[in-house]
Amino acid sequence: MVYPDKKIGSVCQTMNEKGVLRVQMPDKKIWINHKRIKLHVAAAELYPEDYDFSIIFDSVKNRKLRHNMDRGKMIEETMVLES
């Protein structure tokens, strides 16, 4: 929960050396001091251990590019193994 507005968000980047972290709000991502954040629900309770957080924090375009790159690598590896 982000204070003083008491809005719910998800931490998408851990705290840096200055104590500032990045929070994904419903409409934007913000940088905010850790003192203005109160844990509402722990990530361990929300997501399974092997959850792909890129679904939440990456854009559709970035996810598609990464997927295509992964597929391309898999195709190249398969071709090398078959040769």
PDB file of N, CA and C in Angstrom:
ATOM      1  N   MET A   1       0.851  -1.172   0.000  1.00  0.00           N
ATOM      2  CA  MET A   1       0.000   0.000   0.000  1.00  0.00           C
ATOM      3  C   MET A   1       0.900   1.239   0.000  1.00  0.00           C
ATOM      4  N   VAL A   2       0.575   2.176  -0.861  1.00  0.00           N
ATOM      5  CA  VAL A   2       1.374   3.393  -1.001  1.00  0.00           C
ATOM      6  C   VAL A   2       0.693   4.512  -0.224  1.00  0.00           C
ATOM      7  N   TYR A   3       1.441   5.070   0.707  1.00  0.00           N
ATOM      8  CA  TYR A   3       0.913   6.182   1.509  1.00  0.00           C
ATOM      9  C   TYR A   3       1.398   7.505   0.957  1.00  0.00           C
ATOM     10  N   PRO A   4       0.723   8.596   1.152  1.00  0.00           N
ATOM     11  CA  PRO A   4      -0.460   8.834   1.976  1.00  0.00           C
ATOM     12  C   PRO A   4      -1.779   8.542   1.259  1.00  0.00           C
ATOM     13  N   ASP A   5      -1.735   8.198  -0.038  1.00  0.00           N
ATOM     14  CA  ASP A   5      -2.963   8.006  -0.813  1.00  0.00           C
ATOM     15  C   ASP A   5      -3.679   6.692  -0.514  1.00  0.00           C
ATOM     16  N   LYS A   6      -2.961   5.758   0.123  1.00  0.00           N
ATOM     17  CA  LYS A   6      -3.485   4.427   0.445  1.00  0.00           C
ATOM     18  C   LYS A   6      -3.951   3.684  -0.798  1.00  0.00           C
ATOM     19  N   LYS A   7      -3.131   3.760  -1.850  1.00  0.00           N
ATOM     20  CA  LYS A   7      -3.415   3.034  -3.087  1.00  0.00           C
ATOM     21  C   LYS A   7      -2.604   1.741  -3.098  1.00  0.00           C
ATOM     22  N   ILE A   8      -3.175   0.723  -3.714  1.00  0.00           N
ATOM     23  CA  ILE A   8      -2.509  -0.573  -3.797  1.00  0.00           C
ATOM     24  C   ILE A   8      -1.644  -0.632  -5.047  1.00  0.00           C
ATOM     25  N   GLY A   9      -0.435  -1.159  -4.906  1.00  0.00           N
ATOM     26  CA  GLY A   9       0.474  -1.353  -6.021  1.00  0.00           C
ATOM     27  C   GLY A   9       1.319  -2.582  -5.786  1.00  0.00           C
ATOM     28  N   SER A  10       2.131  -2.943  -6.771  1.00  0.00           N
ATOM     29  CA  SER A  10       3.038  -4.083  -6.670  1.00  0.00           C
ATOM     30  C   SER A  10       4.464  -3.600  -6.834  1.00  0.00           C
ATOM     31  N   VAL A  11       5.349  -4.048  -5.963  1.00  0.00           N
ATOM     32  CA  VAL A  11       6.756  -3.686  -6.073  1.00  0.00           C
ATOM     33  C   VAL A  11       7.329  -4.411  -7.275  1.00  0.00           C
ATOM     34  N   CYS A  12       7.899  -3.648  -8.213  1.00  0.00           N
ATOM     35  CA  CYS A  12       8.447  -4.268  -9.417  1.00  0.00           C
ATOM     36  C   CYS A  12       9.966  -4.142  -9.498  1.00  0.00           C
ATOM     37  N   GLN A  13      10.567  -3.351  -8.617  1.00  0.00           N
ATOM     38  CA  GLN A  13      12.021  -3.267  -8.539  1.00  0.00           C
ATOM     39  C   GLN A  13      12.406  -3.068  -7.088  1.00  0.00           C
ATOM     40  N   THR A  14      13.392  -3.830  -6.638  1.00  0.00           N
ATOM     41  CA  THR A  14      13.791  -3.762  -5.237  1.00  0.00           C
ATOM     42  C   THR A  14      14.427  -2.423  -4.897  1.00  0.00           C
ATOM     43  N   MET A  15      14.587  -2.209  -3.617  1.00  0.00           N
ATOM     44  CA  MET A  15      15.094  -0.948  -3.094  1.00  0.00           C
ATOM     45  C   MET A  15      16.555  -0.743  -3.514  1.00  0.00           C
ATOM     46  N   ASN A  16      16.886   0.486  -3.890  1.00  0.00           N
ATOM     47  CA  ASN A  16      18.267   0.813  -4.240  1.00  0.00           C
ATOM     48  C   ASN A  16      19.009   1.322  -3.004  1.00  0.00           C
ATOM     49  N   GLU A  17      20.222   1.810  -3.191  1.00  0.00           N
ATOM     50  CA  GLU A  17      21.053   2.260  -2.066  1.00  0.00           C
ATOM     51  C   GLU A  17      20.479   3.484  -1.357  1.00  0.00           C
ATOM     52  N   LYS A  18      19.588   4.226  -2.009  1.00  0.00           N
ATOM     53  CA  LYS A  18      18.964   5.399  -1.399  1.00  0.00           C
ATOM     54  C   LYS A  18      17.646   5.067  -0.698  1.00  0.00           C
ATOM     55  N   GLY A  19      17.224   3.799  -0.739  1.00  0.00           N
ATOM     56  CA  GLY A  19      15.978   3.408  -0.096  1.00  0.00           C
ATOM     57  C   GLY A  19      14.746   3.655  -0.947  1.00  0.00           C
ATOM     58  N   VAL A  20      14.949   3.809  -2.251  1.00  0.00           N
ATOM     59  CA  VAL A  20      13.848   4.069  -3.173  1.00  0.00           C
ATOM     60  C   VAL A  20      13.565   2.796  -3.962  1.00  0.00           C
ATOM     61  N   LEU A  21      12.292   2.468  -4.116  1.00  0.00           N
ATOM     62  CA  LEU A  21      11.916   1.301  -4.901  1.00  0.00           C
ATOM     63  C   LEU A  21      10.878   1.661  -5.939  1.00  0.00           C
ATOM     64  N   ARG A  22      10.670   0.769  -6.888  1.00  0.00           N
ATOM     65  CA  ARG A  22       9.726   1.037  -7.981  1.00  0.00           C
ATOM     66  C   ARG A  22       8.453   0.243  -7.742  1.00  0.00           C
ATOM     67  N   VAL A  23       7.326   0.933  -7.891  1.00  0.00           N
ATOM     68  CA  VAL A  23       6.017   0.329  -7.638  1.00  0.00           C
ATOM     69  C   VAL A  23       5.153   0.462  -8.885  1.00  0.00           C
ATOM     70  N   GLN A  24       4.537  -0.651  -9.265  1.00  0.00           N
ATOM     71  CA  GLN A  24       3.602  -0.670 -10.385  1.00  0.00           C
ATOM     72  C   GLN A  24       2.219  -0.332  -9.845  1.00  0.00           C
ATOM     73  N   MET A  25       1.701   0.810 -10.251  1.00  0.00           N
ATOM     74  CA  MET A  25       0.358   1.226  -9.875  1.00  0.00           C
ATOM     75  C   MET A  25      -0.585   0.827 -11.017  1.00  0.00           C
ATOM     76  N   PRO A  26      -1.886   0.906 -10.833  1.00  0.00           N
ATOM     77  CA  PRO A  26      -2.802   0.513 -11.912  1.00  0.00           C
ATOM     78  C   PRO A  26      -2.581   1.259 -13.228  1.00  0.00           C
ATOM     79  N   ASP A  27      -2.141   2.520 -13.158  1.00  0.00           N
ATOM     80  CA  ASP A  27      -2.007   3.307 -14.384  1.00  0.00           C
ATOM     81  C   ASP A  27      -0.581   3.719 -14.732  1.00  0.00           C
ATOM     82  N   LYS A  28       0.385   3.464 -13.836  1.00  0.00           N
ATOM     83  CA  LYS A  28       1.760   3.893 -14.094  1.00  0.00           C
ATOM     84  C   LYS A  28       2.716   3.210 -13.128  1.00  0.00           C
ATOM     85  N   LYS A  29       4.025   3.377 -13.396  1.00  0.00           N
ATOM     86  CA  LYS A  29       5.069   2.918 -12.488  1.00  0.00           C
ATOM     87  C   LYS A  29       5.665   4.149 -11.813  1.00  0.00           C
ATOM     88  N   ILE A  30       5.886   4.062 -10.505  1.00  0.00           N
ATOM     89  CA  ILE A  30       6.441   5.204  -9.772  1.00  0.00           C
ATOM     90  C   ILE A  30       7.648   4.769  -8.957  1.00  0.00           C
ATOM     91  N   TRP A  31       8.533   5.722  -8.696  1.00  0.00           N
ATOM     92  CA  TRP A  31       9.642   5.528  -7.761  1.00  0.00           C
ATOM     93  C   TRP A  31       9.209   6.151  -6.448  1.00  0.00           C
ATOM     94  N   ILE A  32       9.390   5.451  -5.330  1.00  0.00           N
ATOM     95  CA  ILE A  32       8.944   5.971  -4.046  1.00  0.00           C
ATOM     96  C   ILE A  32       9.841   5.449  -2.930  1.00  0.00           C
ATOM     97  N   ASN A  33      10.025   6.264  -1.906  1.00  0.00           N
ATOM     98  CA  ASN A  33      10.832   5.876  -0.758  1.00  0.00           C
ATOM     99  C   ASN A  33      10.165   4.724  -0.015  1.00  0.00           C
ATOM    100  N   HIS A  34      10.992   3.799   0.463  1.00  0.00           N
ATOM    101  CA  HIS A  34      10.455   2.615   1.148  1.00  0.00           C
ATOM    102  C   HIS A  34       9.665   2.952   2.411  1.00  0.00           C
ATOM    103  N   LYS A  35       9.886   4.144   2.968  1.00  0.00           N
ATOM    104  CA  LYS A  35       9.156   4.549   4.175  1.00  0.00           C
ATOM    105  C   LYS A  35       7.692   4.876   3.883  1.00  0.00           C
ATOM    106  N   ARG A  36       7.354   5.071   2.631  1.00  0.00           N
ATOM    107  CA  ARG A  36       5.975   5.380   2.248  1.00  0.00           C
ATOM    108  C   ARG A  36       5.202   4.146   1.772  1.00  0.00           C
ATOM    109  N   ILE A  37       5.803   2.972   1.993  1.00  0.00           N
ATOM    110  CA  ILE A  37       5.202   1.716   1.569  1.00  0.00           C
ATOM    111  C   ILE A  37       4.901   0.853   2.789  1.00  0.00           C
ATOM    112  N   LYS A  38       3.730   0.239   2.778  1.00  0.00           N
ATOM    113  CA  LYS A  38       3.381  -0.725   3.821  1.00  0.00           C
ATOM    114  C   LYS A  38       2.994  -2.026   3.127  1.00  0.00           C
ATOM    115  N   LEU A  39       3.612  -3.131   3.559  1.00  0.00           N
ATOM    116  CA  LEU A  39       3.321  -4.430   2.961  1.00  0.00           C
ATOM    117  C   LEU A  39       1.878  -4.806   3.244  1.00  0.00           C
ATOM    118  N   HIS A  40       1.146  -5.054   2.189  1.00  0.00           N
ATOM    119  CA  HIS A  40      -0.263  -5.439   2.296  1.00  0.00           C
ATOM    120  C   HIS A  40      -0.386  -6.957   2.233  1.00  0.00           C
ATOM    121  N   VAL A  41       0.262  -7.574   1.236  1.00  0.00           N
ATOM    122  CA  VAL A  41       0.308  -9.027   1.080  1.00  0.00           C
ATOM    123  C   VAL A  41       1.693  -9.381   0.541  1.00  0.00           C
ATOM    124  N   ALA A  42       2.334 -10.368   1.143  1.00  0.00           N
ATOM    125  CA  ALA A  42       3.667 -10.789   0.699  1.00  0.00           C
ATOM    126  C   ALA A  42       3.581 -11.485  -0.653  1.00  0.00           C
ATOM    127  N   ALA A  43       4.629 -11.333  -1.467  1.00  0.00           N
ATOM    128  CA  ALA A  43       4.670 -11.952  -2.799  1.00  0.00           C
ATOM    129  C   ALA A  43       4.546 -13.471  -2.704  1.00  0.00           C
ATOM    130  N   ALA A  44       5.093 -14.059  -1.648  1.00  0.00           N
ATOM    131  CA  ALA A  44       5.014 -15.511  -1.476  1.00  0.00           C
ATOM    132  C   ALA A  44       3.566 -15.993  -1.362  1.00  0.00           C
ATOM    133  N   GLU A  45       2.693 -15.141  -0.864  1.00  0.00           N
ATOM    134  CA  GLU A  45       1.285 -15.504  -0.728  1.00  0.00           C
ATOM    135  C   GLU A  45       0.511 -15.275  -2.027  1.00  0.00           C
ATOM    136  N   LEU A  46       1.002 -14.385  -2.883  1.00  0.00           N
ATOM    137  CA  LEU A  46       0.294 -14.041  -4.119  1.00  0.00           C
ATOM    138  C   LEU A  46       0.635 -14.943  -5.291  1.00  0.00           C
ATOM    139  N   TYR A  47       1.904 -15.328  -5.403  1.00  0.00           N
ATOM    140  CA  TYR A  47       2.378 -16.012  -6.601  1.00  0.00           C
ATOM    141  C   TYR A  47       3.088 -17.312  -6.239  1.00  0.00           C
ATOM    142  N   PRO A  48       2.972 -18.336  -7.097  1.00  0.00           N
ATOM    143  CA  PRO A  48       3.738 -19.561  -6.880  1.00  0.00           C
ATOM    144  C   PRO A  48       5.229 -19.290  -7.064  1.00  0.00           C
ATOM    145  N   GLU A  49       6.042 -20.202  -6.609  1.00  0.00           N
ATOM    146  CA  GLU A  49       7.489 -20.008  -6.611  1.00  0.00           C
ATOM    147  C   GLU A  49       8.064 -19.784  -8.009  1.00  0.00           C
ATOM    148  N   ASP A  50       7.534 -20.440  -9.031  1.00  0.00           N
ATOM    149  CA  ASP A  50       8.082 -20.347 -10.379  1.00  0.00           C
ATOM    150  C   ASP A  50       7.292 -19.390 -11.275  1.00  0.00           C
ATOM    151  N   TYR A  51       6.596 -18.435 -10.704  1.00  0.00           N
ATOM    152  CA  TYR A  51       5.749 -17.511 -11.457  1.00  0.00           C
ATOM    153  C   TYR A  51       6.585 -16.597 -12.347  1.00  0.00           C
ATOM    154  N   ASP A  52       6.138 -16.367 -13.567  1.00  0.00           N
ATOM    155  CA  ASP A  52       6.821 -15.495 -14.531  1.00  0.00           C
ATOM    156  C   ASP A  52       6.331 -14.058 -14.348  1.00  0.00           C
ATOM    157  N   PHE A  53       7.099 -13.246 -13.642  1.00  0.00           N
ATOM    158  CA  PHE A  53       6.695 -11.876 -13.337  1.00  0.00           C
ATOM    159  C   PHE A  53       6.701 -10.967 -14.561  1.00  0.00           C
ATOM    160  N   SER A  54       7.295 -11.407 -15.661  1.00  0.00           N
ATOM    161  CA  SER A  54       7.273 -10.583 -16.868  1.00  0.00           C
ATOM    162  C   SER A  54       5.845 -10.399 -17.366  1.00  0.00           C
ATOM    163  N   ILE A  55       4.949 -11.306 -17.016  1.00  0.00           N
ATOM    164  CA  ILE A  55       3.545 -11.173 -17.396  1.00  0.00           C
ATOM    165  C   ILE A  55       2.957  -9.889 -16.821  1.00  0.00           C
ATOM    166  N   ILE A  56       3.400  -9.523 -15.635  1.00  0.00           N
ATOM    167  CA  ILE A  56       2.871  -8.345 -14.953  1.00  0.00           C
ATOM    168  C   ILE A  56       3.604  -7.076 -15.351  1.00  0.00           C
ATOM    169  N   PHE A  57       4.931  -7.140 -15.368  1.00  0.00           N
ATOM    170  CA  PHE A  57       5.729  -5.925 -15.452  1.00  0.00           C
ATOM    171  C   PHE A  57       6.254  -5.577 -16.842  1.00  0.00           C
ATOM    172  N   ASP A  58       6.280  -6.514 -17.782  1.00  0.00           N
ATOM    173  CA  ASP A  58       6.771  -6.221 -19.125  1.00  0.00           C
ATOM    174  C   ASP A  58       5.616  -5.854 -20.051  1.00  0.00           C
ATOM    175  N   SER A  59       5.946  -5.097 -21.069  1.00  0.00           N
ATOM    176  CA  SER A  59       4.931  -4.770 -22.075  1.00  0.00           C
ATOM    177  C   SER A  59       4.706  -5.994 -22.967  1.00  0.00           C
ATOM    178  N   VAL A  60       3.596  -6.016 -23.658  1.00  0.00           N
ATOM    179  CA  VAL A  60       3.278  -7.108 -24.577  1.00  0.00           C
ATOM    180  C   VAL A  60       4.343  -7.188 -25.664  1.00  0.00           C
ATOM    181  N   LYS A  61       4.772  -6.037 -26.148  1.00  0.00           N
ATOM    182  CA  LYS A  61       5.790  -5.994 -27.201  1.00  0.00           C
ATOM    183  C   LYS A  61       7.087  -6.660 -26.736  1.00  0.00           C
ATOM    184  N   ASN A  62       7.551  -6.325 -25.532  1.00  0.00           N
ATOM    185  CA  ASN A  62       8.782  -6.918 -25.012  1.00  0.00           C
ATOM    186  C   ASN A  62       8.645  -8.423 -24.810  1.00  0.00           C
ATOM    187  N   ARG A  63       7.507  -8.862 -24.315  1.00  0.00           N
ATOM    188  CA  ARG A  63       7.287 -10.293 -24.108  1.00  0.00           C
ATOM    189  C   ARG A  63       7.277 -11.037 -25.433  1.00  0.00           C
ATOM    190  N   LYS A  64       6.657 -10.460 -26.477  1.00  0.00           N
ATOM    191  CA  LYS A  64       6.629 -11.099 -27.791  1.00  0.00           C
ATOM    192  C   LYS A  64       8.040 -11.202 -28.376  1.00  0.00           C
ATOM    193  N   LEU A  65       8.818 -10.118 -28.248  1.00  0.00           N
ATOM    194  CA  LEU A  65      10.190 -10.141 -28.753  1.00  0.00           C
ATOM    195  C   LEU A  65      11.012 -11.216 -28.055  1.00  0.00           C
ATOM    196  N   ARG A  66      10.901 -11.289 -26.730  1.00  0.00           N
ATOM    197  CA  ARG A  66      11.649 -12.278 -25.964  1.00  0.00           C
ATOM    198  C   ARG A  66      11.220 -13.697 -26.359  1.00  0.00           C
ATOM    199  N   HIS A  67       9.918 -13.892 -26.528  1.00  0.00           N
ATOM    200  CA  HIS A  67       9.406 -15.199 -26.924  1.00  0.00           C
ATOM    201  C   HIS A  67       9.945 -15.603 -28.303  1.00  0.00           C
ATOM    202  N   ASN A  68       9.920 -14.674 -29.242  1.00  0.00           N
ATOM    203  CA  ASN A  68      10.435 -14.967 -30.585  1.00  0.00           C
ATOM    204  C   ASN A  68      11.929 -15.259 -30.557  1.00  0.00           C
ATOM    205  N   MET A  69      12.666 -14.531 -29.746  1.00  0.00           N
ATOM    206  CA  MET A  69      14.102 -14.792 -29.614  1.00  0.00           C
ATOM    207  C   MET A  69      14.331 -16.181 -29.033  1.00  0.00           C
ATOM    208  N   ASP A  70      13.574 -16.540 -28.007  1.00  0.00           N
ATOM    209  CA  ASP A  70      13.703 -17.864 -27.400  1.00  0.00           C
ATOM    210  C   ASP A  70      13.371 -18.956 -28.409  1.00  0.00           C
ATOM    211  N   ARG A  71      12.330 -18.745 -29.190  1.00  0.00           N
ATOM    212  CA  ARG A  71      11.945 -19.715 -30.218  1.00  0.00           C
ATOM    213  C   ARG A  71      13.038 -19.845 -31.266  1.00  0.00           C
ATOM    214  N   GLY A  72      13.621 -18.736 -31.657  1.00  0.00           N
ATOM    215  CA  GLY A  72      14.696 -18.753 -32.644  1.00  0.00           C
ATOM    216  C   GLY A  72      15.895 -19.523 -32.154  1.00  0.00           C
ATOM    217  N   LYS A  73      16.235 -19.342 -30.905  1.00  0.00           N
ATOM    218  CA  LYS A  73      17.362 -20.080 -30.332  1.00  0.00           C
ATOM    219  C   LYS A  73      17.056 -21.572 -30.307  1.00  0.00           C
ATOM    220  N   MET A  74      15.817 -21.900 -29.959  1.00  0.00           N
ATOM    221  CA  MET A  74      15.431 -23.303 -29.893  1.00  0.00           C
ATOM    222  C   MET A  74      15.499 -23.937 -31.280  1.00  0.00           C
ATOM    223  N   ILE A  75      15.087 -23.218 -32.310  1.00  0.00           N
ATOM    224  CA  ILE A  75      15.110 -23.736 -33.685  1.00  0.00           C
ATOM    225  C   ILE A  75      16.562 -23.958 -34.126  1.00  0.00           C
ATOM    226  N   GLU A  76      17.454 -22.985 -33.838  1.00  0.00           N
ATOM    227  CA  GLU A  76      18.857 -23.120 -34.203  1.00  0.00           C
ATOM    228  C   GLU A  76      19.495 -24.304 -33.492  1.00  0.00           C
ATOM    229  N   GLU A  77      19.224 -24.470 -32.195  1.00  0.00           N
ATOM    230  CA  GLU A  77      19.792 -25.587 -31.448  1.00  0.00           C
ATOM    231  C   GLU A  77      19.307 -26.913 -32.005  1.00  0.00           C
ATOM    232  N   THR A  78      18.028 -26.988 -32.355  1.00  0.00           N
ATOM    233  CA  THR A  78      17.462 -28.213 -32.908  1.00  0.00           C
ATOM    234  C   THR A  78      18.125 -28.550 -34.243  1.00  0.00           C
ATOM    235  N   MET A  79      18.342 -27.546 -35.083  1.00  0.00           N
ATOM    236  CA  MET A  79      18.964 -27.765 -36.386  1.00  0.00           C
ATOM    237  C   MET A  79      20.389 -28.280 -36.212  1.00  0.00           C
ATOM    238  N   VAL A  80      21.129 -27.752 -35.260  1.00  0.00           N
ATOM    239  CA  VAL A  80      22.500 -28.196 -35.008  1.00  0.00           C
ATOM    240  C   VAL A  80      22.500 -29.639 -34.527  1.00  0.00           C
ATOM    241  N   LEU A  81      21.574 -29.997 -33.646  1.00  0.00           N
ATOM    242  CA  LEU A  81      21.507 -31.345 -33.115  1.00  0.00           C
ATOM    243  C   LEU A  81      21.131 -32.356 -34.196  1.00  0.00           C
ATOM    244  N   GLU A  82      20.265 -31.970 -35.142  1.00  0.00           N
ATOM    245  CA  GLU A  82      19.818 -32.867 -36.200  1.00  0.00           C
ATOM    246  C   GLU A  82      20.884 -33.060 -37.276  1.00  0.00           C
ATOM    247  N   SER A  83      21.787 -32.101 -37.459  1.00  0.00           N
ATOM    248  CA  SER A  83      22.798 -32.173 -38.528  1.00  0.00           C
ATOM    249  C   SER A  83      23.840 -33.202 -38.260  1.00  0.00           C
TER     250      SER A  83
END
